[in-house]
Amino acid sequence: MTDATLKQEFTSCSCCGKQVPTHQIELYFHKPDAFLRIPPEDRMHKTGGNDDVCIIQGEGDSQDRFFVRSLLPLFVKDWDAPYSLGVWIEVAGPDFDRIYDLWDDENQASEPAFPAKLANHIPLHLHSYGMAGHLYLIGPTTRPTFQLSEADCALFEEQSKGISAHRASEYAALVHKPVD
């Protein structure tokens, strides 16, 4: 019998010099924000889906809404691997049907990107809910990725230019706080 210990690796943040863990916990959301606004007692009758997709039935004149779980990758300047936010993305009904049809298809990455909107509020970014972008299918064993297209926001800047290890640790700190 051996006594094993977990070895934690650290790197220096390029912006502040602080030592931060290189293997941060990624922030993710369990459901789209619209799902959480539905009273718990009504969710069984007004929603459907699983850990990867969610459908909210429309009421009256409103149409059904369709969501796909995705990754919003952020390149970390001090690391070899990206830091991803696990987010929900809203897509149009016909696009949802196509995504669902391709879910297990090994060639899904050849499908053109789908227009989509961010379906979660990212706590470090005001007005992030509903930001436009594109959903890309990657492969049947990998979550799709979401690339923002709204260039006039800080989250777009972070996604296109990268973040520091310090910023990744700020996102990771939110994991311990209720964000969904």
C-alpha atoms as a PDB file:
ATOM      1  CA  MET A   1       0.000   0.000   0.000  1.00  0.00           C
ATOM      2  CA  THR A   2       1.338   3.440  -0.930  1.00  0.00           C
ATOM      3  CA  ASP A   3       0.570   6.914   0.278  1.00  0.00           C
ATOM      4  CA  ALA A   4      -0.300   8.935  -2.828  1.00  0.00           C
ATOM      5  CA  THR A   5      -0.560  12.695  -2.903  1.00  0.00           C
ATOM      6  CA  LEU A   6      -1.988  14.947  -5.563  1.00  0.00           C
ATOM      7  CA  LYS A   7       0.686  17.038  -7.225  1.00  0.00           C
ATOM      8  CA  GLN A   8      -0.634  20.479  -8.072  1.00  0.00           C
ATOM      9  CA  GLU A   9       1.217  22.337 -10.816  1.00  0.00           C
ATOM     10  CA  PHE A  10       1.322  26.133 -10.911  1.00  0.00           C
ATOM     11  CA  THR A  11       2.260  28.794 -13.430  1.00  0.00           C
ATOM     12  CA  SER A  12       2.912  32.490 -13.089  1.00  0.00           C
ATOM     13  CA  CYS A  13       0.200  34.741 -14.480  1.00  0.00           C
ATOM     14  CA  SER A  14       1.600  36.936 -17.260  1.00  0.00           C
ATOM     15  CA  CYS A  15      -0.425  39.974 -16.136  1.00  0.00           C
ATOM     16  CA  CYS A  16       0.091  39.968 -12.358  1.00  0.00           C
ATOM     17  CA  GLY A  17       2.785  37.399 -11.567  1.00  0.00           C
ATOM     18  CA  LYS A  18       0.456  35.504  -9.178  1.00  0.00           C
ATOM     19  CA  GLN A  19       0.915  31.742  -8.997  1.00  0.00           C
ATOM     20  CA  VAL A  20      -2.258  30.035 -10.286  1.00  0.00           C
ATOM     21  CA  PRO A  21      -3.040  26.338 -10.773  1.00  0.00           C
ATOM     22  CA  THR A  22      -2.549  25.151 -14.361  1.00  0.00           C
ATOM     23  CA  HIS A  23      -5.493  22.740 -14.193  1.00  0.00           C
ATOM     24  CA  GLN A  24      -8.378  25.002 -13.261  1.00  0.00           C
ATOM     25  CA  ILE A  25     -11.931  23.849 -12.836  1.00  0.00           C
ATOM     26  CA  GLU A  26     -14.007  25.108 -15.744  1.00  0.00           C
ATOM     27  CA  LEU A  27     -17.173  27.102 -15.169  1.00  0.00           C
ATOM     28  CA  TYR A  28     -20.290  25.465 -16.604  1.00  0.00           C
ATOM     29  CA  PHE A  29     -24.034  25.939 -16.460  1.00  0.00           C
ATOM     30  CA  HIS A  30     -26.426  23.053 -15.804  1.00  0.00           C
ATOM     31  CA  LYS A  31     -29.290  24.484 -17.873  1.00  0.00           C
ATOM     32  CA  PRO A  32     -30.175  27.502 -20.005  1.00  0.00           C
ATOM     33  CA  ASP A  33     -31.307  30.556 -18.031  1.00  0.00           C
ATOM     34  CA  ALA A  34     -34.775  30.352 -19.637  1.00  0.00           C
ATOM     35  CA  PHE A  35     -35.211  26.857 -18.163  1.00  0.00           C
ATOM     36  CA  LEU A  36     -34.379  28.152 -14.676  1.00  0.00           C
ATOM     37  CA  ARG A  37     -37.027  30.885 -14.960  1.00  0.00           C
ATOM     38  CA  ILE A  38     -39.725  28.224 -15.230  1.00  0.00           C
ATOM     39  CA  PRO A  39     -41.087  27.287 -11.797  1.00  0.00           C
ATOM     40  CA  PRO A  40     -39.741  23.854 -10.779  1.00  0.00           C
ATOM     41  CA  GLU A  41     -43.239  22.408 -10.507  1.00  0.00           C
ATOM     42  CA  ASP A  42     -43.913  23.319 -14.184  1.00  0.00           C
ATOM     43  CA  ARG A  43     -40.650  22.082 -15.704  1.00  0.00           C
ATOM     44  CA  MET A  44     -41.772  18.480 -16.192  1.00  0.00           C
ATOM     45  CA  HIS A  45     -44.693  19.610 -18.375  1.00  0.00           C
ATOM     46  CA  LYS A  46     -43.070  22.556 -20.177  1.00  0.00           C
ATOM     47  CA  THR A  47     -39.571  21.275 -20.933  1.00  0.00           C
ATOM     48  CA  GLY A  48     -37.819  18.302 -22.439  1.00  0.00           C
ATOM     49  CA  GLY A  49     -34.314  17.148 -23.118  1.00  0.00           C
ATOM     50  CA  ASN A  50     -31.264  15.802 -21.350  1.00  0.00           C
ATOM     51  CA  ASP A  51     -27.759  16.953 -20.385  1.00  0.00           C
ATOM     52  CA  ASP A  52     -26.992  17.948 -24.004  1.00  0.00           C
ATOM     53  CA  VAL A  53     -30.220  19.450 -25.359  1.00  0.00           C
ATOM     54  CA  CYS A  54     -33.200  21.297 -23.944  1.00  0.00           C
ATOM     55  CA  ILE A  55     -36.579  22.235 -25.406  1.00  0.00           C
ATOM     56  CA  ILE A  56     -38.959  24.696 -23.794  1.00  0.00           C
ATOM     57  CA  GLN A  57     -42.523  24.566 -25.025  1.00  0.00           C
ATOM     58  CA  GLY A  58     -43.979  27.860 -26.152  1.00  0.00           C
ATOM     59  CA  GLU A  59     -47.162  29.177 -24.629  1.00  0.00           C
ATOM     60  CA  GLY A  60     -49.931  30.971 -26.470  1.00  0.00           C
ATOM     61  CA  ASP A  61     -48.433  32.683 -29.524  1.00  0.00           C
ATOM     62  CA  SER A  62     -44.823  32.011 -28.523  1.00  0.00           C
ATOM     63  CA  GLN A  63     -42.876  29.291 -30.301  1.00  0.00           C
ATOM     64  CA  ASP A  64     -40.904  26.447 -28.786  1.00  0.00           C
ATOM     65  CA  ARG A  65     -37.306  27.287 -27.887  1.00  0.00           C
ATOM     66  CA  PHE A  66     -34.336  25.007 -28.588  1.00  0.00           C
ATOM     67  CA  PHE A  67     -31.015  24.833 -26.739  1.00  0.00           C
ATOM     68  CA  VAL A  68     -27.761  22.906 -27.154  1.00  0.00           C
ATOM     69  CA  ARG A  69     -25.041  22.528 -24.559  1.00  0.00           C
ATOM     70  CA  SER A  70     -21.759  23.847 -25.876  1.00  0.00           C
ATOM     71  CA  LEU A  71     -18.263  25.015 -25.023  1.00  0.00           C
ATOM     72  CA  LEU A  72     -17.147  28.623 -25.326  1.00  0.00           C
ATOM     73  CA  PRO A  73     -13.353  28.248 -25.639  1.00  0.00           C
ATOM     74  CA  LEU A  74     -11.010  30.903 -24.262  1.00  0.00           C
ATOM     75  CA  PHE A  75      -7.321  30.611 -25.132  1.00  0.00           C
ATOM     76  CA  VAL A  76      -5.193  31.013 -22.009  1.00  0.00           C
ATOM     77  CA  LYS A  77      -1.927  32.739 -22.894  1.00  0.00           C
ATOM     78  CA  ASP A  78       0.065  30.877 -20.223  1.00  0.00           C
ATOM     79  CA  TRP A  79      -1.286  27.377 -20.920  1.00  0.00           C
ATOM     80  CA  ASP A  80      -1.090  24.831 -23.700  1.00  0.00           C
ATOM     81  CA  ALA A  81      -4.810  24.032 -23.553  1.00  0.00           C
ATOM     82  CA  PRO A  82      -7.858  26.320 -23.788  1.00  0.00           C
ATOM     83  CA  TYR A  83     -10.105  27.132 -20.862  1.00  0.00           C
ATOM     84  CA  SER A  84     -13.736  26.593 -21.835  1.00  0.00           C
ATOM     85  CA  LEU A  85     -16.955  27.870 -20.361  1.00  0.00           C
ATOM     86  CA  GLY A  86     -19.700  25.233 -20.484  1.00  0.00           C
ATOM     87  CA  VAL A  87     -22.664  27.210 -21.796  1.00  0.00           C
ATOM     88  CA  TRP A  88     -26.050  26.694 -23.389  1.00  0.00           C
ATOM     89  CA  ILE A  89     -26.771  28.073 -26.834  1.00  0.00           C
ATOM     90  CA  GLU A  90     -30.178  28.825 -28.336  1.00  0.00           C
ATOM     91  CA  VAL A  91     -30.752  27.821 -31.964  1.00  0.00           C
ATOM     92  CA  ALA A  92     -33.681  27.946 -34.368  1.00  0.00           C
ATOM     93  CA  GLY A  93     -35.992  24.915 -34.600  1.00  0.00           C
ATOM     94  CA  PRO A  94     -34.822  23.696 -38.044  1.00  0.00           C
ATOM     95  CA  ASP A  95     -31.175  24.062 -36.960  1.00  0.00           C
ATOM     96  CA  PHE A  96     -31.903  22.117 -33.770  1.00  0.00           C
ATOM     97  CA  ASP A  97     -33.424  19.312 -35.868  1.00  0.00           C
ATOM     98  CA  ARG A  98     -30.321  19.229 -38.091  1.00  0.00           C
ATOM     99  CA  ILE A  99     -27.964  19.235 -35.089  1.00  0.00           C
ATOM    100  CA  TYR A 100     -29.962  16.404 -33.534  1.00  0.00           C
ATOM    101  CA  ASP A 101     -29.828  14.413 -36.788  1.00  0.00           C
ATOM    102  CA  LEU A 102     -26.043  14.821 -36.919  1.00  0.00           C
ATOM    103  CA  TRP A 103     -25.414  14.221 -33.196  1.00  0.00           C
ATOM    104  CA  ASP A 104     -23.707  10.819 -33.670  1.00  0.00           C
ATOM    105  CA  ASP A 105     -22.432  11.430 -37.217  1.00  0.00           C
ATOM    106  CA  GLU A 106     -18.648  11.108 -37.533  1.00  0.00           C
ATOM    107  CA  ASN A 107     -18.670  13.710 -40.336  1.00  0.00           C
ATOM    108  CA  GLN A 108     -20.644  16.363 -38.443  1.00  0.00           C
ATOM    109  CA  ALA A 109     -17.662  18.756 -38.431  1.00  0.00           C
ATOM    110  CA  SER A 110     -18.151  19.302 -42.164  1.00  0.00           C
ATOM    111  CA  GLU A 111     -21.570  20.869 -41.476  1.00  0.00           C
ATOM    112  CA  PRO A 112     -21.606  24.684 -41.787  1.00  0.00           C
ATOM    113  CA  ALA A 113     -21.869  26.650 -38.548  1.00  0.00           C
ATOM    114  CA  PHE A 114     -25.326  27.402 -37.139  1.00  0.00           C
ATOM    115  CA  PRO A 115     -26.355  30.927 -36.109  1.00  0.00           C
ATOM    116  CA  ALA A 116     -26.987  30.900 -32.371  1.00  0.00           C
ATOM    117  CA  LYS A 117     -27.266  32.994 -29.225  1.00  0.00           C
ATOM    118  CA  LEU A 118     -25.733  32.606 -25.794  1.00  0.00           C
ATOM    119  CA  ALA A 119     -28.445  31.308 -23.421  1.00  0.00           C
ATOM    120  CA  ASN A 120     -26.654  31.966 -20.115  1.00  0.00           C
ATOM    121  CA  HIS A 121     -25.606  35.128 -18.351  1.00  0.00           C
ATOM    122  CA  ILE A 122     -21.849  34.948 -17.706  1.00  0.00           C
ATOM    123  CA  PRO A 123     -21.371  36.536 -14.246  1.00  0.00           C
ATOM    124  CA  LEU A 124     -18.187  38.426 -15.164  1.00  0.00           C
ATOM    125  CA  HIS A 125     -19.856  40.009 -18.216  1.00  0.00           C
ATOM    126  CA  LEU A 126     -22.849  42.303 -18.107  1.00  0.00           C
ATOM    127  CA  HIS A 127     -25.292  41.808 -20.975  1.00  0.00           C
ATOM    128  CA  SER A 128     -23.758  38.509 -22.107  1.00  0.00           C
ATOM    129  CA  TYR A 129     -27.141  36.736 -22.294  1.00  0.00           C
ATOM    130  CA  GLY A 130     -28.356  36.638 -25.888  1.00  0.00           C
ATOM    131  CA  MET A 131     -25.021  37.491 -27.504  1.00  0.00           C
ATOM    132  CA  ALA A 132     -24.890  36.333 -31.119  1.00  0.00           C
ATOM    133  CA  GLY A 133     -22.433  33.864 -32.533  1.00  0.00           C
ATOM    134  CA  HIS A 134     -22.095  30.555 -34.347  1.00  0.00           C
ATOM    135  CA  LEU A 135     -22.312  26.978 -33.123  1.00  0.00           C
ATOM    136  CA  TYR A 136     -19.819  24.536 -34.647  1.00  0.00           C
ATOM    137  CA  LEU A 137     -20.228  20.773 -34.519  1.00  0.00           C
ATOM    138  CA  ILE A 138     -16.868  19.148 -33.766  1.00  0.00           C
ATOM    139  CA  GLY A 139     -17.471  15.417 -33.494  1.00  0.00           C
ATOM    140  CA  PRO A 140     -19.798  12.860 -31.930  1.00  0.00           C
ATOM    141  CA  THR A 141     -17.733  12.573 -28.732  1.00  0.00           C
ATOM    142  CA  THR A 142     -17.080  16.300 -28.247  1.00  0.00           C
ATOM    143  CA  ARG A 143     -19.434  19.105 -27.301  1.00  0.00           C
ATOM    144  CA  PRO A 144     -20.034  21.696 -30.018  1.00  0.00           C
ATOM    145  CA  THR A 145     -18.155  24.986 -29.709  1.00  0.00           C
ATOM    146  CA  PHE A 146     -19.617  28.488 -29.741  1.00  0.00           C
ATOM    147  CA  GLN A 147     -17.792  31.432 -31.295  1.00  0.00           C
ATOM    148  CA  LEU A 148     -19.109  34.891 -30.528  1.00  0.00           C
ATOM    149  CA  SER A 149     -19.633  37.318 -33.391  1.00  0.00           C
ATOM    150  CA  GLU A 150     -20.439  40.513 -31.434  1.00  0.00           C
ATOM    151  CA  ALA A 151     -17.128  42.353 -31.605  1.00  0.00           C
ATOM    152  CA  ASP A 152     -18.079  45.216 -29.289  1.00  0.00           C
ATOM    153  CA  CYS A 153     -18.019  43.264 -26.010  1.00  0.00           C
ATOM    154  CA  ALA A 154     -15.381  42.160 -23.514  1.00  0.00           C
ATOM    155  CA  LEU A 155     -16.266  38.455 -23.789  1.00  0.00           C
ATOM    156  CA  PHE A 156     -15.632  38.585 -27.568  1.00  0.00           C
ATOM    157  CA  GLU A 157     -12.265  40.223 -26.825  1.00  0.00           C
ATOM    158  CA  GLU A 158     -11.401  37.449 -24.388  1.00  0.00           C
ATOM    159  CA  GLN A 159     -12.377  34.775 -26.868  1.00  0.00           C
ATOM    160  CA  SER A 160     -10.532  36.300 -29.814  1.00  0.00           C
ATOM    161  CA  LYS A 161      -7.386  37.576 -28.040  1.00  0.00           C
ATOM    162  CA  GLY A 162      -7.104  35.139 -25.155  1.00  0.00           C
ATOM    163  CA  ILE A 163      -7.075  35.496 -21.397  1.00  0.00           C
ATOM    164  CA  SER A 164      -4.449  35.351 -18.684  1.00  0.00           C
ATOM    165  CA  ALA A 165      -4.178  32.475 -16.238  1.00  0.00           C
ATOM    166  CA  HIS A 166      -5.346  34.953 -13.607  1.00  0.00           C
ATOM    167  CA  ARG A 167      -8.583  35.554 -15.537  1.00  0.00           C
ATOM    168  CA  ALA A 168      -9.126  31.795 -15.891  1.00  0.00           C
ATOM    169  CA  SER A 169      -8.790  31.529 -12.109  1.00  0.00           C
ATOM    170  CA  GLU A 170     -11.483  34.237 -11.750  1.00  0.00           C
ATOM    171  CA  TYR A 171     -13.850  32.110 -13.840  1.00  0.00           C
ATOM    172  CA  ALA A 172     -12.872  29.005 -11.859  1.00  0.00           C
ATOM    173  CA  ALA A 173     -13.656  30.834  -8.600  1.00  0.00           C
ATOM    174  CA  LEU A 174     -17.270  31.133  -9.789  1.00  0.00           C
ATOM    175  CA  VAL A 175     -17.605  27.326  -9.837  1.00  0.00           C
ATOM    176  CA  HIS A 176     -18.060  27.371  -6.077  1.00  0.00           C
ATOM    177  CA  LYS A 177     -20.791  29.984  -6.255  1.00  0.00           C
ATOM    178  CA  PRO A 178     -24.297  29.247  -7.513  1.00  0.00           C
ATOM    179  CA  VAL A 179     -24.457  30.552 -11.100  1.00  0.00           C
ATOM    180  CA  ASP A 180     -27.396  28.555 -12.317  1.00  0.00           C
END
